[in-house]
N, C-alpha and C. Protein backbone atom coordinates (compact mmCIF):
# COMPACT_ATOMS: atom_id res chain seq x y z
N MET A 1 0.83 -1.18 -0.02
CA MET A 1 0.00 -0.02 -0.02
C MET A 1 0.87 1.25 0.01
N GLN A 2 1.88 1.30 0.88
CA GLN A 2 2.73 2.47 0.97
C GLN A 2 3.46 2.68 -0.36
N ASN A 3 3.83 1.58 -1.04
CA ASN A 3 4.50 1.68 -2.33
C ASN A 3 3.58 2.36 -3.36
N ILE A 4 2.31 2.01 -3.37
CA ILE A 4 1.33 2.62 -4.31
C ILE A 4 1.20 4.11 -4.02
N VAL A 5 1.18 4.49 -2.75
CA VAL A 5 1.05 5.87 -2.40
C VAL A 5 2.26 6.66 -2.85
N ARG A 6 3.46 6.11 -2.64
CA ARG A 6 4.68 6.74 -3.12
C ARG A 6 4.71 6.90 -4.62
N THR A 7 4.33 5.82 -5.32
CA THR A 7 4.29 5.87 -6.79
C THR A 7 3.30 6.92 -7.24
N GLY A 8 2.17 7.03 -6.60
CA GLY A 8 1.19 8.04 -6.92
C GLY A 8 1.72 9.43 -6.76
N LEU A 9 2.45 9.63 -5.67
CA LEU A 9 3.05 10.95 -5.40
C LEU A 9 4.11 11.27 -6.50
N LEU A 10 4.95 10.30 -6.79
CA LEU A 10 5.96 10.52 -7.84
C LEU A 10 5.30 10.76 -9.18
N PHE A 11 4.22 10.08 -9.45
CA PHE A 11 3.44 10.23 -10.68
C PHE A 11 2.98 11.69 -10.76
N ASP A 12 2.45 12.20 -9.68
CA ASP A 12 1.99 13.58 -9.62
C ASP A 12 3.11 14.58 -9.97
N PHE A 13 4.29 14.32 -9.49
CA PHE A 13 5.43 15.17 -9.71
C PHE A 13 6.00 15.06 -11.13
N TYR A 14 6.13 13.86 -11.64
CA TYR A 14 6.87 13.60 -12.86
C TYR A 14 6.06 13.12 -14.04
N GLU A 15 4.76 13.17 -13.94
CA GLU A 15 3.86 12.70 -14.98
C GLU A 15 4.24 13.26 -16.34
N LYS A 16 4.50 14.52 -16.45
CA LYS A 16 4.80 15.17 -17.73
C LYS A 16 6.07 14.67 -18.39
N LEU A 17 6.94 14.02 -17.63
CA LEU A 17 8.18 13.47 -18.20
C LEU A 17 8.01 12.11 -18.79
N LEU A 18 6.84 11.50 -18.64
CA LEU A 18 6.57 10.17 -19.16
C LEU A 18 5.98 10.28 -20.59
N THR A 19 6.05 9.14 -21.29
CA THR A 19 5.39 9.09 -22.58
C THR A 19 3.90 9.08 -22.43
N GLU A 20 3.17 9.27 -23.47
CA GLU A 20 1.73 9.28 -23.39
C GLU A 20 1.17 7.90 -22.94
N LYS A 21 1.80 6.86 -23.48
CA LYS A 21 1.36 5.47 -23.11
C LYS A 21 1.63 5.21 -21.60
N GLN A 22 2.79 5.62 -21.15
CA GLN A 22 3.14 5.43 -19.73
C GLN A 22 2.17 6.22 -18.86
N ARG A 23 1.87 7.46 -19.22
CA ARG A 23 0.95 8.27 -18.45
C ARG A 23 -0.46 7.61 -18.43
N THR A 24 -0.87 7.15 -19.59
CA THR A 24 -2.19 6.55 -19.68
C THR A 24 -2.31 5.32 -18.79
N VAL A 25 -1.38 4.41 -18.96
CA VAL A 25 -1.45 3.13 -18.20
C VAL A 25 -1.32 3.41 -16.69
N LEU A 26 -0.36 4.19 -16.28
CA LEU A 26 -0.15 4.44 -14.89
C LEU A 26 -1.36 5.25 -14.31
N GLY A 27 -1.89 6.11 -15.12
CA GLY A 27 -3.07 6.87 -14.69
C GLY A 27 -4.24 5.95 -14.44
N PHE A 28 -4.45 5.02 -15.37
CA PHE A 28 -5.54 4.03 -15.12
C PHE A 28 -5.32 3.25 -13.86
N TYR A 29 -4.05 2.83 -13.69
CA TYR A 29 -3.74 1.95 -12.54
C TYR A 29 -3.79 2.70 -11.18
N LEU A 30 -3.22 3.91 -11.14
CA LEU A 30 -3.15 4.64 -9.89
C LEU A 30 -4.38 5.47 -9.59
N ASN A 31 -4.84 6.23 -10.57
CA ASN A 31 -5.89 7.19 -10.33
C ASN A 31 -7.30 6.58 -10.51
N ASP A 32 -7.42 5.73 -11.48
CA ASP A 32 -8.76 5.12 -11.73
C ASP A 32 -8.96 3.77 -11.13
N ASP A 33 -7.89 3.25 -10.51
CA ASP A 33 -7.96 1.96 -9.81
C ASP A 33 -8.35 0.82 -10.74
N TYR A 34 -7.93 0.83 -11.98
CA TYR A 34 -8.20 -0.28 -12.92
C TYR A 34 -7.27 -1.44 -12.59
N SER A 35 -7.82 -2.62 -12.79
CA SER A 35 -6.99 -3.82 -12.68
C SER A 35 -6.09 -3.97 -13.92
N LEU A 36 -5.12 -4.85 -13.83
CA LEU A 36 -4.22 -5.08 -15.01
C LEU A 36 -5.09 -5.59 -16.18
N ALA A 37 -6.05 -6.46 -15.90
CA ALA A 37 -6.91 -6.99 -16.96
C ALA A 37 -7.74 -5.87 -17.59
N GLU A 38 -8.27 -4.97 -16.81
CA GLU A 38 -9.08 -3.87 -17.34
C GLU A 38 -8.22 -2.95 -18.24
N ILE A 39 -7.04 -2.68 -17.77
CA ILE A 39 -6.13 -1.85 -18.58
C ILE A 39 -5.77 -2.54 -19.89
N SER A 40 -5.47 -3.82 -19.75
CA SER A 40 -5.14 -4.63 -20.91
C SER A 40 -6.23 -4.60 -21.97
N GLU A 41 -7.43 -4.76 -21.51
CA GLU A 41 -8.58 -4.76 -22.43
C GLU A 41 -8.79 -3.37 -23.02
N LYS A 42 -8.62 -2.37 -22.23
CA LYS A 42 -8.86 -0.96 -22.69
C LYS A 42 -7.84 -0.53 -23.76
N ILE A 43 -6.55 -0.88 -23.53
CA ILE A 43 -5.56 -0.37 -24.50
C ILE A 43 -5.06 -1.45 -25.47
N LYS A 44 -5.66 -2.62 -25.35
CA LYS A 44 -5.40 -3.69 -26.35
C LYS A 44 -3.95 -4.17 -26.36
N ILE A 45 -3.42 -4.44 -25.12
CA ILE A 45 -2.15 -5.12 -25.03
C ILE A 45 -2.33 -6.21 -23.93
N SER A 46 -1.40 -7.17 -23.86
CA SER A 46 -1.57 -8.27 -22.92
C SER A 46 -1.45 -7.77 -21.49
N ARG A 47 -2.01 -8.58 -20.61
CA ARG A 47 -1.93 -8.30 -19.16
C ARG A 47 -0.46 -8.24 -18.71
N GLN A 48 0.34 -9.13 -19.25
CA GLN A 48 1.75 -9.16 -18.88
C GLN A 48 2.45 -7.89 -19.34
N ALA A 49 2.07 -7.42 -20.53
CA ALA A 49 2.68 -6.19 -21.07
C ALA A 49 2.30 -5.00 -20.19
N VAL A 50 1.03 -4.97 -19.68
CA VAL A 50 0.62 -3.92 -18.78
C VAL A 50 1.47 -3.97 -17.50
N HIS A 51 1.61 -5.14 -16.95
CA HIS A 51 2.41 -5.34 -15.72
C HIS A 51 3.83 -4.81 -15.93
N ASP A 52 4.46 -5.25 -17.02
CA ASP A 52 5.82 -4.85 -17.31
C ASP A 52 5.93 -3.31 -17.50
N LEU A 53 4.95 -2.74 -18.20
CA LEU A 53 4.95 -1.30 -18.41
C LEU A 53 4.83 -0.53 -17.09
N ILE A 54 3.95 -1.01 -16.22
CA ILE A 54 3.81 -0.34 -14.88
C ILE A 54 5.07 -0.49 -14.10
N LYS A 55 5.70 -1.64 -14.14
CA LYS A 55 6.94 -1.88 -13.40
C LYS A 55 8.09 -0.99 -13.91
N ARG A 56 8.23 -0.89 -15.23
CA ARG A 56 9.29 -0.08 -15.84
C ARG A 56 9.03 1.40 -15.60
N THR A 57 7.76 1.82 -15.66
CA THR A 57 7.46 3.21 -15.46
C THR A 57 7.66 3.63 -14.01
N THR A 58 7.34 2.73 -13.11
CA THR A 58 7.56 2.98 -11.69
C THR A 58 9.06 3.16 -11.44
N LEU A 59 9.88 2.33 -12.05
CA LEU A 59 11.32 2.47 -11.86
C LEU A 59 11.81 3.75 -12.47
N LYS A 60 11.22 4.17 -13.57
CA LYS A 60 11.59 5.44 -14.21
C LYS A 60 11.25 6.60 -13.27
N LEU A 61 10.06 6.53 -12.63
CA LEU A 61 9.69 7.60 -11.69
C LEU A 61 10.66 7.69 -10.54
N GLU A 62 11.08 6.51 -10.03
CA GLU A 62 12.07 6.49 -8.95
C GLU A 62 13.38 7.09 -9.37
N ASP A 63 13.75 6.81 -10.64
CA ASP A 63 14.99 7.39 -11.20
C ASP A 63 14.88 8.90 -11.31
N PHE A 64 13.74 9.42 -11.77
CA PHE A 64 13.54 10.85 -11.82
C PHE A 64 13.73 11.46 -10.41
N GLU A 65 13.11 10.81 -9.42
CA GLU A 65 13.23 11.31 -8.05
C GLU A 65 14.64 11.29 -7.53
N LYS A 66 15.37 10.22 -7.90
CA LYS A 66 16.76 10.10 -7.46
C LYS A 66 17.60 11.28 -8.03
N LYS A 67 17.30 11.64 -9.31
CA LYS A 67 18.06 12.69 -9.96
C LYS A 67 17.58 14.08 -9.58
N LEU A 68 16.28 14.29 -9.45
CA LEU A 68 15.74 15.64 -9.22
C LEU A 68 15.33 15.94 -7.80
N SER A 69 14.97 14.95 -7.02
CA SER A 69 14.59 15.06 -5.60
C SER A 69 13.47 16.03 -5.30
N LEU A 70 12.53 16.20 -6.22
CA LEU A 70 11.44 17.16 -5.99
C LEU A 70 10.54 16.74 -4.85
N CYS A 71 10.27 15.45 -4.77
CA CYS A 71 9.38 14.95 -3.67
C CYS A 71 10.08 15.08 -2.32
N GLU A 72 11.36 14.77 -2.27
CA GLU A 72 12.13 14.90 -1.03
C GLU A 72 12.19 16.35 -0.58
N LYS A 73 12.41 17.26 -1.56
CA LYS A 73 12.53 18.68 -1.22
C LYS A 73 11.14 19.15 -0.70
N MET A 74 10.07 18.68 -1.27
CA MET A 74 8.77 19.08 -0.80
C MET A 74 8.54 18.59 0.66
N ASN A 75 8.93 17.39 0.97
CA ASN A 75 8.84 16.86 2.26
C ASN A 75 9.67 17.64 3.27
N GLN A 76 10.90 18.00 2.86
CA GLN A 76 11.74 18.80 3.77
C GLN A 76 11.10 20.17 4.02
N ASN A 77 10.55 20.75 2.98
CA ASN A 77 9.89 22.07 3.13
C ASN A 77 8.67 21.98 4.06
N ARG A 78 7.95 20.90 3.98
CA ARG A 78 6.79 20.72 4.87
C ARG A 78 7.26 20.69 6.34
N ILE A 79 8.31 19.93 6.58
CA ILE A 79 8.87 19.89 7.94
C ILE A 79 9.30 21.23 8.40
N LEU A 80 10.05 21.94 7.56
CA LEU A 80 10.51 23.29 7.93
C LEU A 80 9.31 24.23 8.12
N HIS A 81 8.26 24.07 7.33
CA HIS A 81 7.10 24.92 7.50
C HIS A 81 6.50 24.74 8.91
N LYS A 82 6.35 23.47 9.32
CA LYS A 82 5.83 23.19 10.64
C LYS A 82 6.69 23.76 11.73
N GLU A 83 8.03 23.64 11.54
CA GLU A 83 8.95 24.17 12.53
C GLU A 83 8.87 25.72 12.59
N ILE A 84 8.70 26.35 11.45
CA ILE A 84 8.53 27.81 11.41
C ILE A 84 7.29 28.23 12.16
N ILE A 85 6.17 27.52 11.91
CA ILE A 85 4.93 27.87 12.58
C ILE A 85 5.13 27.74 14.08
N SER A 86 5.79 26.68 14.52
CA SER A 86 6.05 26.43 15.96
C SER A 86 6.92 27.56 16.56
N SER A 87 7.95 27.92 15.77
CA SER A 87 8.84 28.99 16.23
C SER A 87 8.18 30.34 16.31
N LEU A 88 7.29 30.59 15.35
CA LEU A 88 6.54 31.84 15.38
C LEU A 88 5.59 31.92 16.60
N LYS A 89 5.02 30.79 16.91
CA LYS A 89 4.10 30.74 18.08
C LYS A 89 4.84 31.02 19.38
N SER A 90 6.11 30.56 19.40
CA SER A 90 6.91 30.76 20.66
C SER A 90 7.78 32.01 20.55
N SER A 91 7.59 32.80 19.48
CA SER A 91 8.30 34.06 19.30
C SER A 91 9.80 33.88 19.20
N ASP A 92 10.26 32.72 18.68
CA ASP A 92 11.66 32.45 18.46
C ASP A 92 12.07 32.89 17.05
N LEU A 93 12.26 34.17 16.86
CA LEU A 93 12.48 34.77 15.55
C LEU A 93 13.82 34.36 14.95
N ASP A 94 14.79 34.11 15.78
CA ASP A 94 16.11 33.61 15.26
C ASP A 94 15.98 32.28 14.55
N SER A 95 15.18 31.41 15.16
CA SER A 95 14.96 30.08 14.59
C SER A 95 14.16 30.22 13.28
N VAL A 96 13.18 31.12 13.26
CA VAL A 96 12.39 31.36 12.03
C VAL A 96 13.30 31.76 10.92
N GLU A 97 14.21 32.69 11.21
CA GLU A 97 15.13 33.20 10.18
C GLU A 97 16.01 32.07 9.63
N LYS A 98 16.52 31.21 10.49
CA LYS A 98 17.37 30.10 10.10
C LYS A 98 16.59 29.13 9.21
N LYS A 99 15.32 28.84 9.61
CA LYS A 99 14.51 27.95 8.79
C LYS A 99 14.18 28.51 7.43
N LEU A 100 13.89 29.75 7.38
CA LEU A 100 13.61 30.40 6.11
C LEU A 100 14.83 30.40 5.19
N GLU A 101 16.02 30.61 5.77
CA GLU A 101 17.23 30.53 4.99
C GLU A 101 17.44 29.10 4.47
N GLN A 102 17.09 28.08 5.21
CA GLN A 102 17.20 26.73 4.74
C GLN A 102 16.31 26.48 3.57
N ILE A 103 15.11 27.01 3.60
CA ILE A 103 14.17 26.85 2.48
C ILE A 103 14.74 27.54 1.24
N LEU A 104 15.20 28.75 1.38
CA LEU A 104 15.71 29.52 0.25
C LEU A 104 16.96 28.88 -0.34
N GLU A 105 17.78 28.26 0.45
CA GLU A 105 18.98 27.57 -0.02
C GLU A 105 18.62 26.30 -0.77
N GLY A 106 17.43 25.74 -0.48
CA GLY A 106 16.88 24.60 -1.16
C GLY A 106 17.64 23.34 -1.04
């Protein structure tokens, strides 16, 4: 389950970098919750080909993340955002400044 969620998140980030066929198949699988058989029937390829395409595309998404780290940077910024809110509530402005610098340095 956690793997599907991660793949869905990576798909949201890197969808435009995929081919049309990869986007279509992974979109059916992740967003529309189609089974491999349903996708196979819909796009007229074998169930095994659908499985292989999903597996290869998922590996490609992981490779994009390894190279670009957009998902990781978003997660880091979320953590920093929470820390900034906490620091603001406690009036720790030095901490807020440091956290904002971390975000800007990326």
